[in-house]
Amino acid sequence: MSDNAFPSTCDIYDRFLDEVRVPWPIFRDFGKKRRFSGPIATVKCFEDNSRIKEQVATPGDGRVLVVDAGGSNRCAVMGDLVAGEAAKNGWAGILLFGFVRDVCALAEIDMGLKGLGSIPRKSVRRGEGTVGIPLNFAGVDFRPGDVVVSDEDGVIVLTPEQAKSLRSA
């Protein structure tokens, strides 16, 4: 989806009120794009970015990769190489309940990337993690196929039906 496929998160909230899911305001912007949206694909991992790396190597088709990395601040599960691969493969953005590294390089990558913070320590790859499952963090559920809309004001999670009603409005 394009950066402006949806109204602002504030306008979306005003239309649906508490029928939409609004994650806690804990995320920082790290990618070049501040506005991004798309259907959700999911990864759950902890201090191991193996499954993230595998997913971003596949065609993104305008989706948003939502990653539950357990909120660990002991290491980064996303850096410039993995994020660059995601952008190259057509991912609209990444919403990461975890930490990043290579912040200056990430700011030049032409996609959306929100995470909790940065740390120079990288993760270790052990081949662990799960793909394509419902996640829960930041106070909301994220289900594959739901839609994330992210901008400077925050993040909104929509059902496919809600997203369709906005696109046809």
N, C-alpha and C. Protein backbone atom coordinates (compact mmCIF):
# COMPACT_ATOMS: atom_id res chain seq x y z
N MET A 1 0.83 -1.18 0.00
CA MET A 1 0.00 0.00 0.00
C MET A 1 0.88 1.24 0.00
N SER A 2 0.38 2.27 -0.60
CA SER A 2 1.17 3.50 -0.63
C SER A 2 1.15 4.18 0.74
N ASP A 3 2.01 5.15 0.90
CA ASP A 3 2.12 5.86 2.17
C ASP A 3 0.81 6.55 2.54
N ASN A 4 0.03 6.94 1.56
CA ASN A 4 -1.20 7.69 1.84
C ASN A 4 -2.44 6.89 1.47
N ALA A 5 -2.38 5.57 1.54
CA ALA A 5 -3.54 4.73 1.22
C ALA A 5 -4.65 4.91 2.24
N PHE A 6 -4.30 5.42 3.41
CA PHE A 6 -5.27 5.59 4.49
C PHE A 6 -5.23 7.03 5.01
N PRO A 7 -6.31 7.46 5.66
CA PRO A 7 -6.27 8.75 6.35
C PRO A 7 -5.26 8.68 7.51
N SER A 8 -5.06 9.79 8.17
CA SER A 8 -4.16 9.81 9.32
C SER A 8 -4.69 8.91 10.42
N THR A 9 -3.81 8.48 11.32
CA THR A 9 -4.25 7.64 12.43
C THR A 9 -5.27 8.39 13.30
N CYS A 10 -5.12 9.70 13.43
CA CYS A 10 -6.09 10.48 14.21
C CYS A 10 -7.47 10.44 13.57
N ASP A 11 -7.52 10.61 12.23
CA ASP A 11 -8.80 10.57 11.53
C ASP A 11 -9.41 9.17 11.59
N ILE A 12 -8.57 8.15 11.49
CA ILE A 12 -9.09 6.78 11.61
C ILE A 12 -9.68 6.56 13.00
N TYR A 13 -8.96 7.00 14.01
CA TYR A 13 -9.48 6.83 15.37
C TYR A 13 -10.81 7.58 15.53
N ASP A 14 -10.88 8.80 15.03
CA ASP A 14 -12.11 9.59 15.15
C ASP A 14 -13.30 8.90 14.48
N ARG A 15 -13.03 8.16 13.41
CA ARG A 15 -14.11 7.45 12.72
C ARG A 15 -14.57 6.22 13.51
N PHE A 16 -13.61 5.44 14.00
CA PHE A 16 -13.96 4.16 14.63
C PHE A 16 -13.94 4.19 16.16
N LEU A 17 -13.31 5.20 16.74
CA LEU A 17 -13.12 5.29 18.19
C LEU A 17 -12.49 3.99 18.70
N ASP A 18 -12.98 3.46 19.81
CA ASP A 18 -12.34 2.30 20.42
C ASP A 18 -12.63 0.98 19.74
N GLU A 19 -13.23 1.03 18.54
CA GLU A 19 -13.39 -0.19 17.75
C GLU A 19 -12.08 -0.58 17.09
N VAL A 20 -11.12 0.35 17.01
CA VAL A 20 -9.80 0.02 16.47
C VAL A 20 -8.84 -0.21 17.63
N ARG A 21 -7.75 -0.88 17.34
CA ARG A 21 -6.73 -1.16 18.35
C ARG A 21 -5.62 -0.12 18.24
N VAL A 22 -5.30 0.49 19.37
CA VAL A 22 -4.26 1.52 19.42
C VAL A 22 -3.18 1.05 20.39
N PRO A 23 -2.02 0.62 19.87
CA PRO A 23 -0.94 0.19 20.77
C PRO A 23 -0.44 1.34 21.64
N TRP A 24 0.12 0.96 22.78
CA TRP A 24 0.73 1.96 23.67
C TRP A 24 1.74 2.80 22.88
N PRO A 25 1.91 4.06 23.21
CA PRO A 25 2.83 4.95 22.48
C PRO A 25 4.27 4.77 22.95
N ILE A 26 4.83 3.62 22.63
CA ILE A 26 6.18 3.27 23.10
C ILE A 26 7.20 3.18 21.97
N PHE A 27 6.76 3.39 20.73
CA PHE A 27 7.63 3.15 19.58
C PHE A 27 8.29 4.44 19.08
N ARG A 28 9.53 4.29 18.64
CA ARG A 28 10.27 5.38 17.99
C ARG A 28 10.42 5.07 16.51
N ASP A 29 10.48 6.12 15.70
CA ASP A 29 10.71 5.95 14.26
C ASP A 29 12.20 5.83 13.98
N PHE A 30 12.58 4.84 13.17
CA PHE A 30 13.98 4.66 12.78
C PHE A 30 14.18 4.66 11.27
N GLY A 31 13.18 4.29 10.49
CA GLY A 31 13.30 4.26 9.03
C GLY A 31 13.09 5.64 8.43
N LYS A 32 13.34 5.75 7.15
CA LYS A 32 13.20 7.02 6.44
C LYS A 32 11.74 7.47 6.36
N LYS A 33 10.83 6.51 6.18
CA LYS A 33 9.41 6.85 6.07
C LYS A 33 8.77 6.89 7.45
N ARG A 34 8.01 7.93 7.69
CA ARG A 34 7.27 8.05 8.95
C ARG A 34 5.85 7.52 8.81
N ARG A 35 5.36 7.45 7.57
CA ARG A 35 4.01 6.96 7.31
C ARG A 35 4.11 5.68 6.49
N PHE A 36 3.47 4.63 7.01
CA PHE A 36 3.43 3.37 6.27
C PHE A 36 2.20 2.59 6.71
N SER A 37 1.78 1.68 5.85
CA SER A 37 0.62 0.86 6.15
C SER A 37 0.67 -0.40 5.31
N GLY A 38 -0.04 -1.42 5.78
CA GLY A 38 -0.14 -2.65 5.01
C GLY A 38 -0.64 -3.79 5.86
N PRO A 39 -1.01 -4.89 5.19
CA PRO A 39 -1.44 -6.09 5.90
C PRO A 39 -0.29 -6.64 6.76
N ILE A 40 -0.67 -7.24 7.87
CA ILE A 40 0.30 -7.74 8.85
C ILE A 40 0.79 -9.14 8.50
N ALA A 41 2.10 -9.31 8.60
CA ALA A 41 2.76 -10.62 8.66
C ALA A 41 3.48 -10.62 10.01
N THR A 42 3.60 -11.77 10.68
CA THR A 42 4.15 -11.76 12.04
C THR A 42 5.34 -12.69 12.23
N VAL A 43 6.19 -12.28 13.19
CA VAL A 43 7.31 -13.09 13.67
C VAL A 43 7.37 -12.93 15.18
N LYS A 44 7.55 -14.03 15.88
CA LYS A 44 7.79 -14.00 17.33
C LYS A 44 9.17 -14.61 17.55
N CYS A 45 10.03 -13.88 18.25
CA CYS A 45 11.39 -14.34 18.50
C CYS A 45 11.91 -13.69 19.77
N PHE A 46 13.01 -14.18 20.27
CA PHE A 46 13.61 -13.57 21.46
C PHE A 46 15.13 -13.62 21.33
N GLU A 47 15.72 -12.45 21.15
CA GLU A 47 17.17 -12.28 21.06
C GLU A 47 17.79 -13.15 19.97
N ASP A 48 17.03 -13.41 18.92
CA ASP A 48 17.46 -14.22 17.78
C ASP A 48 16.68 -13.70 16.57
N ASN A 49 17.37 -13.16 15.59
CA ASN A 49 16.66 -12.58 14.45
C ASN A 49 16.61 -13.51 13.24
N SER A 50 16.83 -14.80 13.43
CA SER A 50 16.82 -15.75 12.32
C SER A 50 15.54 -15.69 11.49
N ARG A 51 14.39 -15.74 12.14
CA ARG A 51 13.11 -15.74 11.42
C ARG A 51 12.82 -14.38 10.79
N ILE A 52 13.27 -13.30 11.41
CA ILE A 52 13.12 -11.97 10.81
C ILE A 52 13.88 -11.93 9.50
N LYS A 53 15.12 -12.37 9.55
CA LYS A 53 15.98 -12.36 8.35
C LYS A 53 15.35 -13.21 7.24
N GLU A 54 14.81 -14.36 7.60
CA GLU A 54 14.15 -15.20 6.59
C GLU A 54 12.94 -14.50 5.98
N GLN A 55 12.13 -13.86 6.80
CA GLN A 55 10.92 -13.21 6.31
C GLN A 55 11.21 -12.04 5.40
N VAL A 56 12.16 -11.19 5.76
CA VAL A 56 12.44 -10.02 4.93
C VAL A 56 13.07 -10.40 3.59
N ALA A 57 13.58 -11.62 3.49
CA ALA A 57 14.14 -12.10 2.22
C ALA A 57 13.05 -12.54 1.25
N THR A 58 11.81 -12.60 1.71
CA THR A 58 10.69 -12.99 0.85
C THR A 58 9.99 -11.73 0.33
N PRO A 59 9.19 -11.85 -0.73
CA PRO A 59 8.48 -10.67 -1.23
C PRO A 59 7.55 -10.10 -0.17
N GLY A 60 7.70 -8.81 0.11
CA GLY A 60 6.87 -8.15 1.11
C GLY A 60 5.50 -7.80 0.59
N ASP A 61 5.40 -7.50 -0.71
CA ASP A 61 4.12 -7.16 -1.33
C ASP A 61 3.37 -6.08 -0.56
N GLY A 62 4.08 -5.10 -0.01
CA GLY A 62 3.44 -3.99 0.68
C GLY A 62 2.95 -4.32 2.09
N ARG A 63 3.38 -5.46 2.62
CA ARG A 63 2.95 -5.83 3.98
C ARG A 63 3.82 -5.16 5.03
N VAL A 64 3.35 -5.21 6.26
CA VAL A 64 4.10 -4.73 7.42
C VAL A 64 4.47 -5.95 8.26
N LEU A 65 5.76 -6.10 8.53
CA LEU A 65 6.23 -7.19 9.38
C LEU A 65 6.13 -6.72 10.83
N VAL A 66 5.28 -7.39 11.60
CA VAL A 66 5.11 -7.08 13.01
C VAL A 66 5.89 -8.13 13.79
N VAL A 67 6.84 -7.67 14.60
CA VAL A 67 7.76 -8.57 15.30
C VAL A 67 7.64 -8.41 16.80
N ASP A 68 7.34 -9.51 17.48
CA ASP A 68 7.37 -9.54 18.94
C ASP A 68 8.70 -10.15 19.35
N ALA A 69 9.65 -9.29 19.68
CA ALA A 69 10.97 -9.73 20.14
C ALA A 69 11.05 -9.69 21.67
N GLY A 70 9.89 -9.74 22.30
CA GLY A 70 9.83 -9.79 23.76
C GLY A 70 10.21 -8.49 24.45
N GLY A 71 10.44 -7.44 23.67
CA GLY A 71 10.83 -6.16 24.26
C GLY A 71 12.23 -6.17 24.86
N SER A 72 13.02 -7.20 24.56
CA SER A 72 14.35 -7.31 25.15
C SER A 72 15.24 -6.14 24.75
N ASN A 73 15.88 -5.54 25.77
CA ASN A 73 16.82 -4.46 25.50
C ASN A 73 18.27 -4.93 25.64
N ARG A 74 18.47 -6.24 25.63
CA ARG A 74 19.84 -6.78 25.74
C ARG A 74 20.55 -6.86 24.41
N CYS A 75 19.81 -6.87 23.31
CA CYS A 75 20.44 -6.90 21.98
C CYS A 75 19.46 -6.39 20.94
N ALA A 76 19.99 -6.03 19.79
CA ALA A 76 19.18 -5.59 18.66
C ALA A 76 18.86 -6.78 17.77
N VAL A 77 17.61 -6.86 17.33
CA VAL A 77 17.24 -7.91 16.38
C VAL A 77 17.03 -7.35 14.97
N MET A 78 17.30 -6.05 14.80
CA MET A 78 17.16 -5.42 13.49
C MET A 78 18.28 -4.41 13.31
N GLY A 79 18.97 -4.53 12.17
CA GLY A 79 20.01 -3.57 11.81
C GLY A 79 19.84 -3.16 10.36
N ASP A 80 20.81 -2.43 9.86
CA ASP A 80 20.68 -1.88 8.51
C ASP A 80 20.66 -2.94 7.42
N LEU A 81 21.38 -4.04 7.59
CA LEU A 81 21.40 -5.06 6.55
C LEU A 81 20.05 -5.75 6.41
N VAL A 82 19.46 -6.14 7.53
CA VAL A 82 18.16 -6.80 7.50
C VAL A 82 17.07 -5.84 7.05
N ALA A 83 17.08 -4.61 7.55
CA ALA A 83 16.10 -3.61 7.14
C ALA A 83 16.26 -3.27 5.66
N GLY A 84 17.49 -3.17 5.19
CA GLY A 84 17.73 -2.90 3.77
C GLY A 84 17.18 -4.00 2.88
N GLU A 85 17.31 -5.25 3.32
CA GLU A 85 16.75 -6.38 2.58
C GLU A 85 15.23 -6.28 2.54
N ALA A 86 14.62 -5.89 3.65
CA ALA A 86 13.16 -5.73 3.70
C ALA A 86 12.70 -4.67 2.69
N ALA A 87 13.37 -3.54 2.68
CA ALA A 87 13.00 -2.46 1.75
C ALA A 87 13.17 -2.93 0.30
N LYS A 88 14.26 -3.61 0.02
CA LYS A 88 14.53 -4.10 -1.33
C LYS A 88 13.45 -5.07 -1.79
N ASN A 89 12.89 -5.83 -0.86
CA ASN A 89 11.91 -6.85 -1.21
C ASN A 89 10.46 -6.40 -1.08
N GLY A 90 10.25 -5.09 -0.92
CA GLY A 90 8.90 -4.56 -1.00
C GLY A 90 8.07 -4.60 0.27
N TRP A 91 8.72 -4.68 1.44
CA TRP A 91 7.99 -4.58 2.70
C TRP A 91 7.70 -3.10 2.92
N ALA A 92 6.47 -2.78 3.33
CA ALA A 92 6.09 -1.38 3.57
C ALA A 92 6.71 -0.86 4.85
N GLY A 93 6.87 -1.75 5.83
CA GLY A 93 7.42 -1.32 7.10
C GLY A 93 7.58 -2.48 8.06
N ILE A 94 8.17 -2.15 9.19
CA ILE A 94 8.37 -3.10 10.28
C ILE A 94 7.98 -2.42 11.58
N LEU A 95 7.16 -3.10 12.35
CA LEU A 95 6.80 -2.66 13.69
C LEU A 95 7.43 -3.66 14.64
N LEU A 96 8.40 -3.20 15.43
CA LEU A 96 9.26 -4.08 16.21
C LEU A 96 9.13 -3.83 17.71
N PHE A 97 8.64 -4.83 18.43
CA PHE A 97 8.63 -4.79 19.89
C PHE A 97 9.99 -5.34 20.33
N GLY A 98 11.00 -4.52 20.06
CA GLY A 98 12.38 -4.88 20.32
C GLY A 98 13.28 -3.72 19.92
N PHE A 99 14.56 -4.00 19.87
CA PHE A 99 15.56 -2.96 19.66
C PHE A 99 16.28 -3.10 18.32
N VAL A 100 16.81 -1.97 17.84
CA VAL A 100 17.53 -1.89 16.58
C VAL A 100 18.97 -1.47 16.85
N ARG A 101 19.78 -1.53 15.79
CA ARG A 101 21.14 -0.98 15.80
C ARG A 101 21.38 -0.34 14.44
N ASP A 102 22.49 0.35 14.27
CA ASP A 102 22.81 1.04 13.01
C ASP A 102 21.82 2.15 12.71
N VAL A 103 21.51 2.96 13.73
CA VAL A 103 20.45 3.96 13.64
C VAL A 103 20.66 4.95 12.48
N CYS A 104 21.87 5.45 12.28
CA CYS A 104 22.10 6.42 11.20
C CYS A 104 21.84 5.80 9.83
N ALA A 105 22.26 4.56 9.64
CA ALA A 105 22.01 3.87 8.37
C ALA A 105 20.52 3.56 8.21
N LEU A 106 19.84 3.18 9.27
CA LEU A 106 18.40 2.90 9.20
C LEU A 106 17.62 4.13 8.74
N ALA A 107 18.05 5.30 9.16
CA ALA A 107 17.35 6.54 8.80
C ALA A 107 17.38 6.81 7.30
N GLU A 108 18.27 6.16 6.57
CA GLU A 108 18.38 6.34 5.12
C GLU A 108 17.64 5.26 4.34
N ILE A 109 17.11 4.25 5.01
CA ILE A 109 16.43 3.15 4.33
C ILE A 109 14.98 3.55 4.07
N ASP A 110 14.57 3.44 2.81
CA ASP A 110 13.29 3.97 2.36
C ASP A 110 12.12 3.04 2.69
N MET A 111 11.86 2.94 3.97
CA MET A 111 10.69 2.20 4.47
C MET A 111 10.41 2.66 5.89
N GLY A 112 9.27 2.26 6.41
CA GLY A 112 8.93 2.58 7.78
C GLY A 112 9.52 1.55 8.73
N LEU A 113 10.01 2.01 9.86
CA LEU A 113 10.54 1.11 10.88
C LEU A 113 10.33 1.76 12.24
N LYS A 114 9.53 1.12 13.06
CA LYS A 114 9.33 1.58 14.43
C LYS A 114 9.84 0.50 15.36
N GLY A 115 10.56 0.93 16.40
CA GLY A 115 11.06 0.01 17.42
C GLY A 115 11.09 0.72 18.76
N LEU A 116 11.56 0.00 19.76
CA LEU A 116 11.57 0.54 21.12
C LEU A 116 12.78 1.42 21.41
N GLY A 117 13.91 1.14 20.78
CA GLY A 117 15.12 1.88 21.06
C GLY A 117 16.28 1.25 20.31
N SER A 118 17.49 1.68 20.67
CA SER A 118 18.68 1.16 19.99
C SER A 118 19.73 0.71 20.99
N ILE A 119 20.53 -0.25 20.53
CA ILE A 119 21.65 -0.79 21.30
C ILE A 119 22.64 -1.35 20.28
N PRO A 120 23.95 -1.20 20.52
CA PRO A 120 24.90 -1.69 19.53
C PRO A 120 25.06 -3.22 19.49
N ARG A 121 24.72 -3.92 20.56
CA ARG A 121 24.91 -5.38 20.60
C ARG A 121 23.93 -6.07 19.65
N LYS A 122 24.45 -6.96 18.80
CA LYS A 122 23.59 -7.69 17.88
C LYS A 122 23.12 -9.00 18.51
N SER A 123 22.06 -9.55 17.91
CA SER A 123 21.53 -10.82 18.40
C SER A 123 22.38 -11.97 17.86
N VAL A 124 22.13 -13.13 18.41
CA VAL A 124 22.80 -14.35 17.96
C VAL A 124 21.77 -15.16 17.19
N ARG A 125 22.17 -15.76 16.07
CA ARG A 125 21.24 -16.57 15.28
C ARG A 125 21.34 -18.03 15.73
N ARG A 126 20.19 -18.52 16.22
CA ARG A 126 20.10 -19.91 16.64
C ARG A 126 18.99 -20.65 15.89
N GLY A 127 18.36 -19.98 14.93
CA GLY A 127 17.29 -20.60 14.17
C GLY A 127 15.99 -20.71 14.93
N GLU A 128 15.81 -19.88 15.96
CA GLU A 128 14.62 -19.95 16.78
C GLU A 128 13.61 -18.89 16.36
N GLY A 129 12.36 -19.11 16.72
CA GLY A 129 11.29 -18.16 16.44
C GLY A 129 10.16 -18.80 15.69
N THR A 130 9.04 -18.09 15.62
CA THR A 130 7.82 -18.59 15.00
C THR A 130 7.26 -17.53 14.06
N VAL A 131 6.71 -17.98 12.96
CA VAL A 131 6.19 -17.09 11.93
C VAL A 131 4.68 -17.33 11.76
N GLY A 132 3.95 -16.24 11.49
CA GLY A 132 2.55 -16.37 11.09
C GLY A 132 1.57 -16.68 12.20
N ILE A 133 1.88 -16.23 13.42
CA ILE A 133 0.97 -16.47 14.54
C ILE A 133 0.44 -15.15 15.09
N PRO A 134 -0.72 -15.17 15.75
CA PRO A 134 -1.19 -13.94 16.41
C PRO A 134 -0.20 -13.53 17.51
N LEU A 135 -0.04 -12.22 17.67
CA LEU A 135 0.86 -11.67 18.68
C LEU A 135 0.07 -10.74 19.59
N ASN A 136 0.61 -10.52 20.78
CA ASN A 136 0.03 -9.53 21.69
C ASN A 136 1.17 -8.82 22.40
N PHE A 137 1.26 -7.51 22.18
CA PHE A 137 2.20 -6.65 22.90
C PHE A 137 1.69 -5.23 22.80
N ALA A 138 2.23 -4.37 23.60
CA ALA A 138 1.83 -2.95 23.63
C ALA A 138 0.32 -2.80 23.82
N GLY A 139 -0.28 -3.77 24.51
CA GLY A 139 -1.67 -3.67 24.87
C GLY A 139 -2.69 -4.08 23.83
N VAL A 140 -2.24 -4.60 22.68
CA VAL A 140 -3.19 -4.99 21.63
C VAL A 140 -2.78 -6.30 20.97
N ASP A 141 -3.75 -6.88 20.25
CA ASP A 141 -3.51 -8.07 19.44
C ASP A 141 -3.13 -7.66 18.03
N PHE A 142 -2.20 -8.40 17.44
CA PHE A 142 -1.78 -8.23 16.05
C PHE A 142 -1.98 -9.59 15.39
N ARG A 143 -2.88 -9.66 14.41
CA ARG A 143 -3.16 -10.93 13.74
C ARG A 143 -2.73 -10.84 12.28
N PRO A 144 -2.12 -11.91 11.76
CA PRO A 144 -1.80 -11.91 10.33
C PRO A 144 -3.04 -11.60 9.52
N GLY A 145 -2.89 -10.70 8.55
CA GLY A 145 -4.02 -10.29 7.71
C GLY A 145 -4.72 -9.03 8.18
N ASP A 146 -4.60 -8.69 9.48
CA ASP A 146 -5.08 -7.39 9.93
C ASP A 146 -4.19 -6.33 9.27
N VAL A 147 -4.52 -5.07 9.45
CA VAL A 147 -3.79 -3.99 8.76
C VAL A 147 -3.23 -3.00 9.78
N VAL A 148 -1.96 -2.66 9.62
CA VAL A 148 -1.31 -1.63 10.43
C VAL A 148 -1.30 -0.34 9.63
N VAL A 149 -1.65 0.75 10.30
CA VAL A 149 -1.48 2.09 9.75
C VAL A 149 -0.62 2.84 10.76
N SER A 150 0.48 3.41 10.28
CA SER A 150 1.42 4.10 11.17
C SER A 150 1.77 5.46 10.59
N ASP A 151 1.80 6.47 11.45
CA ASP A 151 2.24 7.79 11.04
C ASP A 151 2.90 8.48 12.23
N GLU A 152 3.08 9.78 12.11
CA GLU A 152 3.78 10.53 13.16
C GLU A 152 3.03 10.53 14.49
N ASP A 153 1.72 10.29 14.47
CA ASP A 153 0.93 10.29 15.70
C ASP A 153 0.88 8.95 16.40
N GLY A 154 1.25 7.88 15.71
CA GLY A 154 1.22 6.57 16.34
C GLY A 154 0.81 5.47 15.39
N VAL A 155 0.26 4.42 15.98
CA VAL A 155 -0.08 3.21 15.24
C VAL A 155 -1.54 2.85 15.51
N ILE A 156 -2.22 2.38 14.47
CA ILE A 156 -3.59 1.87 14.56
C ILE A 156 -3.58 0.48 13.93
N VAL A 157 -4.31 -0.45 14.53
CA VAL A 157 -4.47 -1.78 13.95
C VAL A 157 -5.94 -1.96 13.58
N LEU A 158 -6.17 -2.29 12.31
CA LEU A 158 -7.52 -2.43 11.78
C LEU A 158 -7.82 -3.87 11.40
N THR A 159 -9.08 -4.25 11.47
CA THR A 159 -9.49 -5.51 10.86
C THR A 159 -9.49 -5.32 9.36
N PRO A 160 -9.46 -6.40 8.59
CA PRO A 160 -9.56 -6.24 7.13
C PRO A 160 -10.83 -5.50 6.70
N GLU A 161 -11.92 -5.72 7.42
CA GLU A 161 -13.17 -5.05 7.08
C GLU A 161 -13.08 -3.55 7.32
N GLN A 162 -12.50 -3.15 8.44
CA GLN A 162 -12.33 -1.72 8.72
C GLN A 162 -11.44 -1.07 7.65
N ALA A 163 -10.35 -1.75 7.30
CA ALA A 163 -9.45 -1.21 6.29
C ALA A 163 -10.15 -1.05 4.95
N LYS A 164 -10.93 -2.05 4.57
CA LYS A 164 -11.66 -1.99 3.31
C LYS A 164 -12.64 -0.83 3.31
N SER A 165 -13.33 -0.60 4.42
CA SER A 165 -14.30 0.50 4.47
C SER A 165 -13.61 1.85 4.32
N LEU A 166 -12.38 1.99 4.79
CA LEU A 166 -11.65 3.26 4.64
C LEU A 166 -11.19 3.46 3.22
N ARG A 167 -10.78 2.39 2.55
CA ARG A 167 -10.30 2.51 1.18
C ARG A 167 -11.44 2.80 0.22
N SER A 168 -12.66 2.34 0.56
CA SER A 168 -13.79 2.55 -0.35
C SER A 168 -14.55 3.84 -0.04
N ALA A 169 -14.15 4.53 1.05
CA ALA A 169 -14.84 5.76 1.45
C ALA A 169 -14.45 6.93 0.59
